[in-house]
Every structure is written in structure tokens, then in C-alpha cells.
Protein backbone atom coordinates (compact mmCIF):
# COMPACT_ATOMS: atom_id res chain seq x y z
CA PRO A 1 81.05 102.54 114.89
CA THR A 2 80.33 102.95 111.11
CA PHE A 3 79.52 99.92 109.45
CA ASP A 4 80.43 99.20 105.37
CA GLN A 5 79.65 96.12 103.43
CA ILE A 6 81.68 94.51 100.76
CA THR A 7 80.63 92.13 98.48
CA LEU A 8 82.43 89.22 96.69
CA SER A 9 81.37 87.17 93.97
CA ALA A 10 82.70 84.02 91.97
CA ASN A 11 84.86 85.54 88.93
CA THR A 12 86.19 82.64 86.59
CA LEU A 13 89.54 82.92 85.52
CA ALA A 14 90.80 79.93 83.36
CA SER A 15 93.83 78.64 81.27
CA LEU A 16 93.98 76.15 78.74
CA VAL A 17 97.07 74.14 77.63
CA GLU A 18 97.16 71.39 74.87
CA TYR A 19 99.91 68.69 74.37
CA SER A 20 100.18 65.32 72.61
CA ARG A 21 100.06 62.09 74.21
CA LYS A 22 103.68 61.22 72.80
CA MET A 23 105.10 64.42 74.50
CA LEU A 24 103.47 62.89 77.47
CA VAL A 25 105.02 59.07 77.55
CA GLN A 26 108.10 60.84 76.27
CA GLY A 27 108.46 63.42 78.36
CA LEU A 28 111.25 63.88 80.57
CA PRO A 29 110.49 65.54 83.34
CA ASN A 30 106.80 64.87 83.97
CA VAL A 31 105.18 66.65 81.27
CA GLU A 32 102.35 66.98 82.94
CA MET A 33 103.38 68.24 86.37
CA LEU A 34 105.61 70.71 84.07
CA VAL A 35 102.25 72.17 82.43
CA ARG A 36 100.52 72.67 86.00
CA GLY A 37 103.09 74.39 87.14
CA ASP A 38 103.28 76.62 84.31
CA MET A 39 99.85 77.30 84.54
CA ALA A 40 99.44 77.81 88.33
CA ARG A 41 102.36 80.42 87.42
CA VAL A 42 100.36 82.49 84.56
CA LEU A 43 97.25 82.45 86.79
CA ALA A 44 99.14 84.06 89.70
CA LEU A 45 100.35 86.52 87.31
CA LYS A 46 97.23 87.23 86.21
CA LEU A 47 95.71 87.38 89.77
CA ASP A 48 98.70 89.88 90.29
CA GLU A 49 97.56 92.11 87.45
CA VAL A 50 93.96 92.04 88.75
CA ILE A 51 94.64 93.13 92.01
CA ILE A 52 96.59 95.68 90.95
CA ASN A 53 94.71 97.08 88.04
CA GLY A 54 91.54 95.23 87.67
CA SER A 55 89.03 97.47 85.44
CA GLY A 56 85.73 96.28 87.69
CA SER A 57 84.25 95.26 84.17
CA ALA A 58 82.58 91.83 84.94
CA PRO A 59 83.83 89.08 84.65
CA GLU A 60 87.44 90.97 85.88
CA PRO A 61 87.26 91.93 89.49
CA ARG A 62 88.08 95.81 90.28
CA GLY A 63 91.62 96.45 91.26
CA ILE A 64 93.07 99.00 93.61
CA LEU A 65 94.24 101.70 90.82
CA ASN A 66 90.82 101.81 89.87
CA THR A 67 89.11 101.61 93.53
CA SER A 68 87.28 104.55 94.46
CA GLY A 69 88.51 106.64 97.26
CA ILE A 70 92.41 106.05 97.13
CA GLY A 71 94.63 108.57 97.62
CA SER A 72 96.37 109.90 94.81
CA VAL A 73 99.76 112.29 94.01
CA ALA A 74 100.16 113.77 91.12
CA MET A 75 103.38 114.62 88.80
CA ALA A 76 102.39 117.31 86.62
CA THR A 77 99.61 118.00 83.49
CA ASN A 78 101.24 115.57 81.36
CA GLY A 79 103.20 113.55 83.94
CA ALA A 80 106.92 114.30 85.02
CA ALA A 81 109.55 111.89 86.82
CA PRO A 82 109.00 110.83 90.05
CA THR A 83 111.09 112.77 92.86
CA TYR A 84 111.66 111.94 96.65
CA ALA A 85 109.44 114.63 97.85
CA LYS A 86 106.44 113.01 95.50
CA LEU A 87 107.05 109.67 96.86
CA VAL A 88 106.92 111.31 100.48
CA ASP A 89 104.18 113.23 99.70
CA LEU A 90 102.69 109.54 98.76
CA ILE A 91 103.12 107.97 101.97
CA LYS A 92 101.51 111.08 103.52
CA GLU A 93 98.56 110.52 102.14
CA VAL A 94 98.12 106.54 103.62
CA ALA A 95 99.42 107.97 107.08
CA VAL A 96 96.96 111.01 107.46
CA ASP A 97 94.28 108.67 107.72
CA ASN A 98 96.17 106.10 110.15
CA ALA A 99 96.79 103.39 107.41
CA ASP A 100 100.56 103.79 107.10
CA GLU A 101 100.80 100.46 109.06
CA ASN A 102 102.91 97.71 107.16
CA ALA A 103 102.39 99.57 104.08
CA ILE A 104 104.72 99.00 101.16
CA PHE A 105 105.86 100.42 97.83
CA LEU A 106 105.06 98.52 94.82
CA MET A 107 106.46 99.35 91.48
CA ASN A 108 107.30 97.74 88.05
CA PRO A 109 110.77 96.88 87.08
CA GLN A 110 111.33 100.47 84.34
CA THR A 111 110.11 102.95 87.87
CA GLU A 112 112.53 100.78 89.86
CA ALA A 113 115.72 101.03 87.47
CA PHE A 114 114.81 105.01 87.15
CA LEU A 115 114.83 105.49 91.11
CA ARG A 116 117.95 103.72 91.58
CA LYS A 117 119.79 105.97 88.89
CA THR A 118 118.26 109.20 90.36
CA ALA A 119 119.80 111.36 92.59
CA LYS A 120 117.52 111.75 96.26
CA VAL A 121 118.05 115.65 96.34
CA SER A 122 119.71 116.78 93.79
CA SER A 123 122.25 116.14 90.51
CA THR A 124 125.19 116.16 92.81
CA ASP A 125 123.86 114.11 95.72
CA SER A 126 125.62 110.73 95.60
CA VAL A 127 122.69 108.70 97.29
CA MET A 128 120.01 107.87 94.79
CA ILE A 129 116.11 108.04 95.70
CA LEU A 130 115.77 103.67 95.87
CA GLU A 131 118.74 101.90 97.81
CA ASP A 132 118.46 99.09 99.81
CA ASP A 133 115.34 98.63 98.57
CA SER A 134 113.40 100.93 100.62
CA ILE A 135 112.40 104.44 100.27
CA ALA A 136 112.38 106.55 103.20
CA GLY A 137 112.38 103.52 105.80
CA ARG A 138 109.19 101.55 103.60
CA GLN A 139 110.16 98.32 101.63
CA VAL A 140 110.08 98.32 97.90
CA VAL A 141 108.45 95.46 95.73
CA VAL A 142 108.53 95.15 92.19
CA SER A 143 105.82 93.64 90.08
CA ALA A 144 105.83 93.81 86.09
CA LYS A 145 102.37 93.74 86.44
CA VAL A 146 101.97 97.38 87.52
CA PRO A 147 101.19 99.44 84.22
CA ALA A 148 103.81 101.15 82.63
CA ASP A 149 101.39 102.06 80.05
CA LEU A 150 99.05 104.55 81.39
CA THR A 151 98.13 108.29 79.74
CA LYS A 152 97.59 111.98 81.10
CA GLY A 153 96.93 114.67 78.48
CA THR A 154 99.45 114.65 76.19
CA GLY A 155 101.41 112.35 78.57
CA THR A 156 101.70 108.27 77.24
CA GLY A 157 103.49 105.48 78.53
CA LEU A 158 103.33 106.78 82.25
CA SER A 159 104.12 103.79 85.03
CA ALA A 160 101.95 103.96 88.51
CA ILE A 161 103.83 103.75 91.92
CA LEU A 162 101.54 101.94 94.73
CA TYR A 163 101.77 102.57 98.35
CA GLY A 164 99.71 101.44 101.17
CA ASN A 165 98.80 98.49 103.30
CA PHE A 166 98.38 95.18 101.31
CA ASN A 167 96.65 93.55 104.05
CA ASP A 168 93.81 95.32 103.17
CA VAL A 169 93.37 93.45 100.01
CA VAL A 170 90.87 90.71 100.11
CA TYR A 171 91.00 88.00 98.19
CA ALA A 172 88.02 85.38 98.00
CA SER A 173 88.58 82.01 96.42
CA PHE A 174 85.20 79.85 95.77
CA GLY A 175 86.03 76.10 95.95
CA GLY A 176 89.52 76.49 95.05
CA LEU A 177 91.59 75.70 91.94
CA GLU A 178 89.70 72.84 89.76
CA LEU A 179 91.92 71.15 86.96
CA VAL A 180 90.07 69.28 84.19
CA ILE A 181 91.89 66.71 81.61
CA ASP A 182 90.22 66.13 78.51
CA PRO A 183 91.46 63.26 76.41
CA TYR A 184 88.73 62.94 74.02
CA SER A 185 87.91 66.24 72.00
CA ASN A 186 91.15 65.97 69.96
CA LEU A 187 91.83 62.22 70.14
CA ASN A 188 92.23 61.93 66.41
CA LYS A 189 94.89 64.19 66.18
CA GLY A 190 96.50 62.29 69.88
CA MET A 191 96.25 65.83 71.70
CA ILE A 192 95.31 66.12 75.28
CA ARG A 193 93.61 68.89 76.85
CA LEU A 194 94.53 70.19 80.40
CA ALA A 195 92.27 73.36 81.97
CA ALA A 196 92.36 75.31 85.25
CA PHE A 197 89.49 76.86 86.61
CA LEU A 198 89.36 79.41 89.69
CA GLU A 199 86.16 81.20 90.67
CA SER A 200 87.71 84.42 93.05
CA ASP A 201 87.47 87.47 93.71
CA VAL A 202 88.83 90.73 95.13
CA ALA A 203 87.82 93.71 97.29
CA ILE A 204 89.51 96.43 99.19
CA ARG A 205 88.72 96.78 102.79
CA HIS A 206 89.69 100.35 102.92
CA PRO A 207 90.64 102.67 100.19
CA GLU A 208 92.10 104.92 102.50
CA SER A 209 95.32 102.42 102.98
CA PHE A 210 96.17 103.05 99.54
CA ALA A 211 97.78 106.03 97.66
CA ALA A 212 98.94 105.85 94.00
CA ILE A 213 101.11 107.79 91.24
CA THR A 214 99.96 107.09 87.93
CA ASP A 215 101.54 109.38 85.86
CA ALA A 216 105.30 108.90 86.42
CA VAL A 217 107.87 109.56 83.32
CA VAL A 218 110.30 106.82 83.46
């Protein structure tokens, strides 16, 4: 057997919200719970973004698209419209490494809309590339955090399409979510601050479990 090692370290993800004490005592529903829910959502969205496309430059973890060793399917020199054949090639990139188990497609809403309007085989075909939330029998998941602003050659505004086994994404949390309430810093203005801190990291166990198109014109 061959062994490898993945190093994980605590990277700080933080969020800060201010609201007035009058809003707190008068607001219905409970303002503090409403704010906490919003903060949890934005933290989760940022985690999605980092897992997909984190730069790897501290303090941001390295995401799937920037991980060395993942498979790649190129559309064209300056990008091109995704085709059914290219999406099948994306599946093949993962399957040839015996990593296709539980794999899914991940794409942004722009790509989803394009594939739902594009014929699978030819312009006369009534079957679209994406129907019933699957492509070639593989599930399709949509996230606005999949980048739609990539560049290649003279092509701009290009989208990424990911395929892989997301069970091979390692997410580490150090100590859980910390909430800090500060009623003092802006006391003279009657403002309360609520901050959230999350120490976490992301790593990919097996890069061969993923493949990506990064130059789709949609």
C-alpha cells in the first residue's frame, strides 16, 4: 500500500452584525434568533464557496478546483458551449481511476439553464442534455457558488462544471461555532454587535475523485 498525509489547520471564518437595542426589545420575531440564522447561512455559503473554489492562500483553504491532480476536460482554446459528449468525458476522467462511486455533477444556475435548453445530440433532438435532474444517470446539484467568472485565452465569463465523489472532501472543524455578543463597544449609539467565529479547514482525500470543466460558455 501507498500512504499519503493530509495536513489540516485552523483557519478563521468570521461574521459580524450590528443591530440596535431598540430593535432587540421591540422586534418580532426574535431579532437575535433572526440574526443568528442569517449569520449561519452566510457562513455556510462561504464554506460552500471555499470547498468548491478556495484559493489556498492563507487564511482561505484550497478548494476542489484549485487542487493539483484533479481531472480536466477542456472545451476549446477560448472556451466553448458544453456538450453531452464533453460531460460524458468528465465522467470518464473520474471513472478510469475507479473513483466514480457516488459521484455527482455540480454546476451553477447559468449552466443548468443552458443544459436544460440544449439538445442532447442535435438541434432536431427533442431530448435536452439535462432532464430529470440527471446527466447520463448521474445526479446534478446546482450551486451559485460554482464560479461563472473564469477566463481562458480571450474567453471571459466562463463557467466551471464539477464532477466527482464529494464524500472525498474532508471538512475539519476546530471547536465548533463560537458566538460573541458585544453590547459595550457602541453603547453610546445603542448598538449591539454579534460576531461569529468558525475555525475550520478543507482538504481533498483523493484528487482523482474529481474532474472539472473550467471553460464552459453558457
